[in-house]
Amino acid sequence: MKKSFSLQPLLNLAQHQNDSATLKLGQLNTQEHNEQGKLETLQQYRKDYQARLNEATQNGIDQTQLRNFHEFINKIDEAISQQLKMVGKSKASTQVGRREFDSARRKLKSFDTLQQRHIKTQKKIAEKSEQITLDEHAGRSASCKTIDAEEHNK
């Protein structure tokens, strides 16, 4: 008689947790990538705008336009500063997600190892039982042949 794996519900739960952690980590990685992309866009925009300011300064610019350029660059710098914070938060969240994923994966692997041991043990038990059955059958068969041979000789 084959015994079922008693920890199967826990293995199923660990599989579900691993799947959830994998999905969450993927989402966190995507979010981090998006936040980094926004930062790079802002930094490029600032670089481009600074180049426009430099060009305008060389070609001559009045005070109002110069002040507007500086105010706008300051706003871009503020946006970059805020985006740097967002990137930092996103990276921290991704690290937490990575730890959760690693933990879920280790737990799943542990239960999987226990299940494999259980399967191996059940297989050995089944093989032993089959061998006992074969030995009993062979013994009965040999016993019957001996009895038949004795009756034949009489």
N, C-alpha and C. Protein backbone atom coordinates (compact mmCIF):
# COMPACT_ATOMS: atom_id res chain seq x y z
N MET A 1 0.84 -1.19 0.00
CA MET A 1 0.00 0.00 0.00
C MET A 1 0.88 1.24 0.00
N LYS A 2 0.64 2.11 -0.94
CA LYS A 2 1.43 3.32 -1.09
C LYS A 2 0.91 4.40 -0.15
N LYS A 3 1.81 5.00 0.61
CA LYS A 3 1.45 6.04 1.56
C LYS A 3 1.60 7.40 0.87
N SER A 4 0.59 8.25 1.02
CA SER A 4 0.67 9.57 0.37
C SER A 4 1.63 10.47 1.13
N PHE A 5 2.11 11.48 0.45
CA PHE A 5 3.05 12.44 1.03
C PHE A 5 2.27 13.34 1.99
N SER A 6 2.53 13.21 3.28
CA SER A 6 1.75 13.92 4.29
C SER A 6 1.97 15.44 4.26
N LEU A 7 3.05 15.89 3.69
CA LEU A 7 3.33 17.32 3.64
C LEU A 7 2.89 17.95 2.31
N GLN A 8 2.09 17.22 1.54
CA GLN A 8 1.65 17.72 0.24
C GLN A 8 0.95 19.07 0.34
N PRO A 9 0.07 19.29 1.33
CA PRO A 9 -0.56 20.62 1.42
C PRO A 9 0.47 21.73 1.64
N LEU A 10 1.49 21.45 2.42
CA LEU A 10 2.54 22.45 2.64
C LEU A 10 3.37 22.66 1.38
N LEU A 11 3.62 21.59 0.64
CA LEU A 11 4.33 21.71 -0.63
C LEU A 11 3.52 22.56 -1.60
N ASN A 12 2.21 22.33 -1.66
CA ASN A 12 1.33 23.12 -2.53
C ASN A 12 1.35 24.59 -2.12
N LEU A 13 1.30 24.85 -0.81
CA LEU A 13 1.34 26.22 -0.31
C LEU A 13 2.68 26.87 -0.67
N ALA A 14 3.77 26.14 -0.49
CA ALA A 14 5.10 26.67 -0.82
C ALA A 14 5.19 26.97 -2.32
N GLN A 15 4.59 26.12 -3.15
CA GLN A 15 4.59 26.36 -4.60
C GLN A 15 3.81 27.63 -4.92
N HIS A 16 2.67 27.80 -4.26
CA HIS A 16 1.85 29.00 -4.47
C HIS A 16 2.62 30.25 -4.03
N GLN A 17 3.27 30.18 -2.88
CA GLN A 17 4.04 31.32 -2.38
C GLN A 17 5.21 31.64 -3.32
N ASN A 18 5.84 30.61 -3.83
CA ASN A 18 6.95 30.81 -4.77
C ASN A 18 6.45 31.48 -6.05
N ASP A 19 5.32 31.01 -6.55
CA ASP A 19 4.74 31.62 -7.76
C ASP A 19 4.40 33.09 -7.52
N SER A 20 3.81 33.37 -6.36
CA SER A 20 3.45 34.75 -6.03
C SER A 20 4.69 35.63 -5.89
N ALA A 21 5.71 35.11 -5.22
CA ALA A 21 6.95 35.87 -5.04
C ALA A 21 7.64 36.12 -6.38
N THR A 22 7.56 35.15 -7.27
CA THR A 22 8.16 35.30 -8.60
C THR A 22 7.43 36.40 -9.37
N LEU A 23 6.12 36.37 -9.34
CA LEU A 23 5.32 37.39 -10.03
C LEU A 23 5.59 38.78 -9.44
N LYS A 24 5.61 38.85 -8.12
CA LYS A 24 5.84 40.14 -7.45
C LYS A 24 7.24 40.68 -7.80
N LEU A 25 8.23 39.81 -7.79
CA LEU A 25 9.59 40.25 -8.11
C LEU A 25 9.66 40.76 -9.55
N GLY A 26 8.98 40.09 -10.44
CA GLY A 26 8.94 40.56 -11.83
C GLY A 26 8.33 41.95 -11.94
N GLN A 27 7.25 42.16 -11.20
CA GLN A 27 6.60 43.47 -11.21
C GLN A 27 7.51 44.55 -10.61
N LEU A 28 8.19 44.19 -9.52
CA LEU A 28 9.10 45.14 -8.88
C LEU A 28 10.28 45.48 -9.79
N ASN A 29 10.80 44.48 -10.48
CA ASN A 29 11.89 44.73 -11.43
C ASN A 29 11.43 45.66 -12.55
N THR A 30 10.23 45.44 -13.04
CA THR A 30 9.67 46.29 -14.10
C THR A 30 9.50 47.71 -13.59
N GLN A 31 8.97 47.83 -12.38
CA GLN A 31 8.76 49.17 -11.80
C GLN A 31 10.10 49.88 -11.61
N GLU A 32 11.10 49.16 -11.11
CA GLU A 32 12.42 49.77 -10.92
C GLU A 32 12.99 50.23 -12.27
N HIS A 33 12.85 49.40 -13.27
CA HIS A 33 13.34 49.74 -14.61
C HIS A 33 12.62 50.99 -15.14
N ASN A 34 11.31 51.06 -14.92
CA ASN A 34 10.55 52.23 -15.38
C ASN A 34 10.98 53.50 -14.65
N GLU A 35 11.17 53.40 -13.33
CA GLU A 35 11.60 54.56 -12.55
C GLU A 35 12.99 55.02 -13.00
N GLN A 36 13.87 54.08 -13.26
CA GLN A 36 15.21 54.41 -13.74
C GLN A 36 15.12 55.08 -15.12
N GLY A 37 14.23 54.58 -15.94
CA GLY A 37 14.04 55.19 -17.28
C GLY A 37 13.54 56.62 -17.19
N LYS A 38 12.62 56.88 -16.26
CA LYS A 38 12.13 58.25 -16.07
C LYS A 38 13.27 59.16 -15.61
N LEU A 39 14.10 58.65 -14.71
CA LEU A 39 15.23 59.44 -14.23
C LEU A 39 16.17 59.78 -15.38
N GLU A 40 16.49 58.79 -16.17
CA GLU A 40 17.39 59.01 -17.31
C GLU A 40 16.80 60.01 -18.30
N THR A 41 15.49 59.95 -18.50
CA THR A 41 14.82 60.90 -19.40
C THR A 41 14.94 62.32 -18.85
N LEU A 42 14.69 62.47 -17.54
CA LEU A 42 14.82 63.79 -16.91
C LEU A 42 16.25 64.31 -17.01
N GLN A 43 17.21 63.43 -16.74
CA GLN A 43 18.62 63.84 -16.81
C GLN A 43 19.00 64.26 -18.23
N GLN A 44 18.51 63.52 -19.21
CA GLN A 44 18.80 63.89 -20.60
C GLN A 44 18.12 65.21 -20.96
N TYR A 45 16.90 65.38 -20.47
CA TYR A 45 16.17 66.62 -20.74
C TYR A 45 16.91 67.80 -20.13
N ARG A 46 17.44 67.63 -18.92
CA ARG A 46 18.19 68.70 -18.26
C ARG A 46 19.46 69.01 -19.06
N LYS A 47 20.13 67.96 -19.50
CA LYS A 47 21.36 68.14 -20.28
C LYS A 47 21.06 68.92 -21.57
N ASP A 48 19.98 68.52 -22.25
CA ASP A 48 19.59 69.20 -23.48
C ASP A 48 19.23 70.67 -23.22
N TYR A 49 18.49 70.91 -22.14
CA TYR A 49 18.06 72.26 -21.83
C TYR A 49 19.26 73.12 -21.43
N GLN A 50 20.22 72.51 -20.71
CA GLN A 50 21.44 73.23 -20.34
C GLN A 50 22.22 73.61 -21.61
N ALA A 51 22.25 72.70 -22.57
CA ALA A 51 22.94 73.01 -23.84
C ALA A 51 22.24 74.16 -24.56
N ARG A 52 20.91 74.17 -24.52
CA ARG A 52 20.15 75.27 -25.13
C ARG A 52 20.45 76.60 -24.43
N LEU A 53 20.57 76.54 -23.09
CA LEU A 53 20.90 77.74 -22.32
C LEU A 53 22.29 78.25 -22.71
N ASN A 54 23.24 77.33 -22.78
CA ASN A 54 24.60 77.72 -23.14
C ASN A 54 24.63 78.36 -24.53
N GLU A 55 23.90 77.78 -25.46
CA GLU A 55 23.85 78.31 -26.82
C GLU A 55 23.20 79.69 -26.83
N ALA A 56 22.10 79.81 -26.08
CA ALA A 56 21.40 81.10 -26.02
C ALA A 56 22.28 82.16 -25.37
N THR A 57 23.04 81.77 -24.37
CA THR A 57 23.93 82.71 -23.69
C THR A 57 25.01 83.20 -24.65
N GLN A 58 25.54 82.30 -25.45
CA GLN A 58 26.58 82.69 -26.41
C GLN A 58 26.03 83.61 -27.50
N ASN A 59 24.78 83.39 -27.86
CA ASN A 59 24.17 84.19 -28.92
C ASN A 59 23.54 85.48 -28.39
N GLY A 60 23.53 85.60 -27.09
CA GLY A 60 22.93 86.79 -26.49
C GLY A 60 21.51 86.51 -26.02
N ILE A 61 21.24 86.81 -24.75
CA ILE A 61 19.93 86.52 -24.16
C ILE A 61 19.61 87.63 -23.17
N ASP A 62 18.35 88.02 -23.09
CA ASP A 62 18.01 89.07 -22.12
C ASP A 62 17.77 88.45 -20.74
N GLN A 63 17.70 89.31 -19.75
CA GLN A 63 17.59 88.87 -18.34
C GLN A 63 16.36 88.02 -18.09
N THR A 64 15.26 88.36 -18.68
CA THR A 64 14.01 87.62 -18.45
C THR A 64 14.16 86.19 -18.98
N GLN A 65 14.68 86.06 -20.16
CA GLN A 65 14.87 84.72 -20.73
C GLN A 65 15.89 83.93 -19.90
N LEU A 66 16.95 84.59 -19.45
CA LEU A 66 17.97 83.93 -18.64
C LEU A 66 17.35 83.43 -17.33
N ARG A 67 16.55 84.30 -16.69
CA ARG A 67 15.87 83.90 -15.44
C ARG A 67 14.93 82.73 -15.70
N ASN A 68 14.19 82.77 -16.81
CA ASN A 68 13.27 81.68 -17.15
C ASN A 68 14.03 80.36 -17.36
N PHE A 69 15.16 80.45 -18.05
CA PHE A 69 15.98 79.24 -18.24
C PHE A 69 16.42 78.67 -16.88
N HIS A 70 16.92 79.55 -16.01
CA HIS A 70 17.41 79.08 -14.71
C HIS A 70 16.28 78.51 -13.86
N GLU A 71 15.13 79.16 -13.87
CA GLU A 71 13.98 78.65 -13.11
C GLU A 71 13.56 77.28 -13.62
N PHE A 72 13.54 77.17 -14.95
CA PHE A 72 13.13 75.89 -15.53
C PHE A 72 14.14 74.79 -15.21
N ILE A 73 15.42 75.12 -15.30
CA ILE A 73 16.45 74.13 -14.96
C ILE A 73 16.35 73.75 -13.48
N ASN A 74 16.04 74.71 -12.61
CA ASN A 74 15.85 74.40 -11.19
C ASN A 74 14.66 73.45 -10.99
N LYS A 75 13.60 73.66 -11.75
CA LYS A 75 12.44 72.75 -11.67
C LYS A 75 12.81 71.35 -12.15
N ILE A 76 13.60 71.29 -13.20
CA ILE A 76 14.06 69.98 -13.69
C ILE A 76 14.94 69.32 -12.62
N ASP A 77 15.80 70.11 -11.97
CA ASP A 77 16.65 69.57 -10.90
C ASP A 77 15.80 69.03 -9.74
N GLU A 78 14.73 69.72 -9.41
CA GLU A 78 13.82 69.25 -8.35
C GLU A 78 13.15 67.94 -8.78
N ALA A 79 12.74 67.89 -10.03
CA ALA A 79 12.11 66.66 -10.54
C ALA A 79 13.12 65.51 -10.52
N ILE A 80 14.36 65.81 -10.87
CA ILE A 80 15.41 64.78 -10.83
C ILE A 80 15.62 64.31 -9.40
N SER A 81 15.65 65.25 -8.47
CA SER A 81 15.82 64.89 -7.05
C SER A 81 14.68 63.99 -6.57
N GLN A 82 13.46 64.34 -6.93
CA GLN A 82 12.30 63.51 -6.56
C GLN A 82 12.39 62.13 -7.23
N GLN A 83 12.80 62.13 -8.47
CA GLN A 83 12.89 60.86 -9.19
C GLN A 83 13.99 59.99 -8.62
N LEU A 84 15.09 60.59 -8.17
CA LEU A 84 16.16 59.83 -7.50
C LEU A 84 15.61 59.12 -6.26
N LYS A 85 14.74 59.82 -5.52
CA LYS A 85 14.11 59.21 -4.33
C LYS A 85 13.21 58.04 -4.75
N MET A 86 12.48 58.24 -5.84
CA MET A 86 11.60 57.17 -6.34
C MET A 86 12.43 55.95 -6.76
N VAL A 87 13.54 56.20 -7.44
CA VAL A 87 14.42 55.10 -7.86
C VAL A 87 14.96 54.39 -6.63
N GLY A 88 15.36 55.13 -5.61
CA GLY A 88 15.87 54.53 -4.37
C GLY A 88 14.82 53.67 -3.69
N LYS A 89 13.60 54.18 -3.60
CA LYS A 89 12.50 53.40 -3.00
C LYS A 89 12.22 52.15 -3.82
N SER A 90 12.24 52.31 -5.12
CA SER A 90 11.97 51.17 -6.00
C SER A 90 13.05 50.10 -5.86
N LYS A 91 14.31 50.53 -5.77
CA LYS A 91 15.40 49.58 -5.58
C LYS A 91 15.27 48.85 -4.25
N ALA A 92 14.90 49.60 -3.20
CA ALA A 92 14.71 48.98 -1.89
C ALA A 92 13.58 47.96 -1.94
N SER A 93 12.49 48.30 -2.60
CA SER A 93 11.36 47.37 -2.73
C SER A 93 11.77 46.12 -3.51
N THR A 94 12.56 46.33 -4.55
CA THR A 94 13.04 45.19 -5.34
C THR A 94 13.92 44.28 -4.50
N GLN A 95 14.77 44.87 -3.65
CA GLN A 95 15.62 44.06 -2.78
C GLN A 95 14.78 43.24 -1.80
N VAL A 96 13.75 43.85 -1.24
CA VAL A 96 12.84 43.12 -0.34
C VAL A 96 12.17 42.00 -1.12
N GLY A 97 11.70 42.31 -2.32
CA GLY A 97 11.07 41.29 -3.16
C GLY A 97 12.02 40.15 -3.49
N ARG A 98 13.28 40.48 -3.73
CA ARG A 98 14.30 39.45 -4.02
C ARG A 98 14.49 38.54 -2.80
N ARG A 99 14.55 39.14 -1.61
CA ARG A 99 14.70 38.31 -0.40
C ARG A 99 13.48 37.41 -0.19
N GLU A 100 12.29 37.95 -0.43
CA GLU A 100 11.07 37.14 -0.31
C GLU A 100 11.08 36.00 -1.33
N PHE A 101 11.50 36.31 -2.55
CA PHE A 101 11.58 35.29 -3.59
C PHE A 101 12.59 34.20 -3.19
N ASP A 102 13.77 34.62 -2.73
CA ASP A 102 14.79 33.65 -2.32
C ASP A 102 14.29 32.76 -1.19
N SER A 103 13.60 33.36 -0.23
CA SER A 103 13.05 32.60 0.90
C SER A 103 12.00 31.60 0.42
N ALA A 104 11.10 32.05 -0.43
CA ALA A 104 10.05 31.17 -0.95
C ALA A 104 10.66 30.03 -1.76
N ARG A 105 11.68 30.35 -2.54
CA ARG A 105 12.34 29.33 -3.36
C ARG A 105 13.04 28.29 -2.47
N ARG A 106 13.71 28.76 -1.41
CA ARG A 106 14.36 27.81 -0.49
C ARG A 106 13.34 26.90 0.18
N LYS A 107 12.23 27.48 0.61
CA LYS A 107 11.19 26.70 1.27
C LYS A 107 10.62 25.65 0.31
N LEU A 108 10.35 26.07 -0.92
CA LEU A 108 9.83 25.14 -1.92
C LEU A 108 10.83 24.02 -2.18
N LYS A 109 12.08 24.37 -2.30
CA LYS A 109 13.12 23.37 -2.55
C LYS A 109 13.20 22.37 -1.40
N SER A 110 13.05 22.86 -0.17
CA SER A 110 13.09 21.97 1.00
C SER A 110 11.93 20.97 0.94
N PHE A 111 10.73 21.47 0.68
CA PHE A 111 9.58 20.56 0.61
C PHE A 111 9.70 19.61 -0.57
N ASP A 112 10.25 20.09 -1.67
CA ASP A 112 10.44 19.24 -2.83
C ASP A 112 11.44 18.12 -2.51
N THR A 113 12.50 18.47 -1.79
CA THR A 113 13.48 17.46 -1.38
C THR A 113 12.83 16.41 -0.49
N LEU A 114 12.00 16.87 0.45
CA LEU A 114 11.28 15.92 1.32
C LEU A 114 10.36 15.03 0.50
N GLN A 115 9.69 15.59 -0.49
CA GLN A 115 8.80 14.80 -1.33
C GLN A 115 9.60 13.76 -2.12
N GLN A 116 10.74 14.16 -2.65
CA GLN A 116 11.57 13.21 -3.41
C GLN A 116 12.04 12.07 -2.52
N ARG A 117 12.41 12.40 -1.28
CA ARG A 117 12.80 11.34 -0.32
C ARG A 117 11.63 10.41 -0.05
N HIS A 118 10.45 11.00 0.11
CA HIS A 118 9.25 10.20 0.36
C HIS A 118 8.99 9.25 -0.81
N ILE A 119 9.08 9.77 -2.03
CA ILE A 119 8.86 8.95 -3.22
C ILE A 119 9.87 7.81 -3.27
N LYS A 120 11.11 8.12 -2.97
CA LYS A 120 12.18 7.12 -2.99
C LYS A 120 11.92 6.03 -1.94
N THR A 121 11.52 6.47 -0.76
CA THR A 121 11.21 5.51 0.31
C THR A 121 10.02 4.64 -0.08
N GLN A 122 8.99 5.24 -0.64
CA GLN A 122 7.81 4.47 -1.04
C GLN A 122 8.16 3.48 -2.15
N LYS A 123 9.05 3.87 -3.02
CA LYS A 123 9.48 2.98 -4.10
C LYS A 123 10.23 1.78 -3.52
N LYS A 124 11.12 2.04 -2.56
CA LYS A 124 11.86 0.95 -1.92
C LYS A 124 10.91 0.00 -1.19
N ILE A 125 9.91 0.56 -0.51
CA ILE A 125 8.93 -0.27 0.19
C ILE A 125 8.16 -1.12 -0.81
N ALA A 126 7.76 -0.52 -1.92
CA ALA A 126 7.01 -1.26 -2.94
C ALA A 126 7.87 -2.37 -3.54
N GLU A 127 9.14 -2.06 -3.80
CA GLU A 127 10.04 -3.08 -4.36
C GLU A 127 10.24 -4.22 -3.38
N LYS A 128 10.38 -3.89 -2.10
CA LYS A 128 10.57 -4.91 -1.06
C LYS A 128 9.32 -5.78 -0.97
N SER A 129 8.17 -5.14 -1.00
CA SER A 129 6.91 -5.88 -0.93
C SER A 129 6.75 -6.80 -2.14
N GLU A 130 7.11 -6.30 -3.30
CA GLU A 130 7.02 -7.10 -4.52
C GLU A 130 7.98 -8.29 -4.45
N GLN A 131 9.18 -8.05 -3.90
CA GLN A 131 10.15 -9.14 -3.77
C GLN A 131 9.64 -10.22 -2.80
N ILE A 132 9.03 -9.78 -1.71
CA ILE A 132 8.47 -10.74 -0.74
C ILE A 132 7.39 -11.57 -1.41
N THR A 133 6.53 -10.90 -2.19
CA THR A 133 5.46 -11.60 -2.89
C THR A 133 6.04 -12.60 -3.89
N LEU A 134 7.06 -12.20 -4.63
CA LEU A 134 7.70 -13.10 -5.59
C LEU A 134 8.36 -14.29 -4.87
N ASP A 135 9.01 -14.00 -3.75
CA ASP A 135 9.66 -15.07 -2.98
C ASP A 135 8.63 -16.05 -2.46
N GLU A 136 7.49 -15.53 -1.95
CA GLU A 136 6.43 -16.42 -1.45
C GLU A 136 5.87 -17.26 -2.58
N HIS A 137 5.67 -16.63 -3.74
CA HIS A 137 5.13 -17.35 -4.89
C HIS A 137 6.11 -18.44 -5.33
N ALA A 138 7.37 -18.07 -5.39
CA ALA A 138 8.39 -19.05 -5.80
C ALA A 138 8.46 -20.19 -4.78
N GLY A 139 8.33 -19.87 -3.52
CA GLY A 139 8.36 -20.90 -2.47
C GLY A 139 7.16 -21.83 -2.59
N ARG A 140 5.99 -21.28 -2.82
CA ARG A 140 4.80 -22.12 -2.98
C ARG A 140 4.91 -22.98 -4.22
N SER A 141 5.43 -22.38 -5.28
CA SER A 141 5.59 -23.11 -6.53
C SER A 141 6.56 -24.27 -6.36
N ALA A 142 7.66 -24.01 -5.68
CA ALA A 142 8.64 -25.08 -5.44
C ALA A 142 8.05 -26.14 -4.53
N SER A 143 7.26 -25.75 -3.55
CA SER A 143 6.63 -26.69 -2.62
C SER A 143 5.63 -27.58 -3.35
N CYS A 144 4.87 -26.96 -4.26
CA CYS A 144 3.89 -27.73 -5.04
C CYS A 144 4.59 -28.74 -5.94
N LYS A 145 5.70 -28.34 -6.54
CA LYS A 145 6.44 -29.24 -7.42
C LYS A 145 7.00 -30.41 -6.62
N THR A 146 7.45 -30.13 -5.40
CA THR A 146 7.99 -31.19 -4.55
C THR A 146 6.90 -32.17 -4.18
N ILE A 147 5.74 -31.67 -3.84
CA ILE A 147 4.62 -32.55 -3.49
C ILE A 147 4.19 -33.36 -4.69
N ASP A 148 4.10 -32.73 -5.86
CA ASP A 148 3.72 -33.43 -7.09
C ASP A 148 4.74 -34.53 -7.41
N ALA A 149 6.02 -34.19 -7.22
CA ALA A 149 7.08 -35.17 -7.52
C ALA A 149 6.98 -36.34 -6.55
N GLU A 150 6.67 -36.12 -5.29
CA GLU A 150 6.56 -37.18 -4.30
C GLU A 150 5.36 -38.08 -4.61
N GLU A 151 4.25 -37.47 -5.01
CA GLU A 151 3.06 -38.24 -5.34
C GLU A 151 3.29 -39.04 -6.61
N HIS A 152 4.03 -38.50 -7.53
CA HIS A 152 4.32 -39.17 -8.78
C HIS A 152 5.21 -40.39 -8.54
N ASN A 153 6.12 -40.28 -7.58
CA ASN A 153 7.02 -41.38 -7.27
C ASN A 153 6.32 -42.48 -6.50
N LYS A 154 5.23 -42.29 -5.89
CA LYS A 154 4.56 -43.31 -5.11
C LYS A 154 3.88 -44.30 -5.94
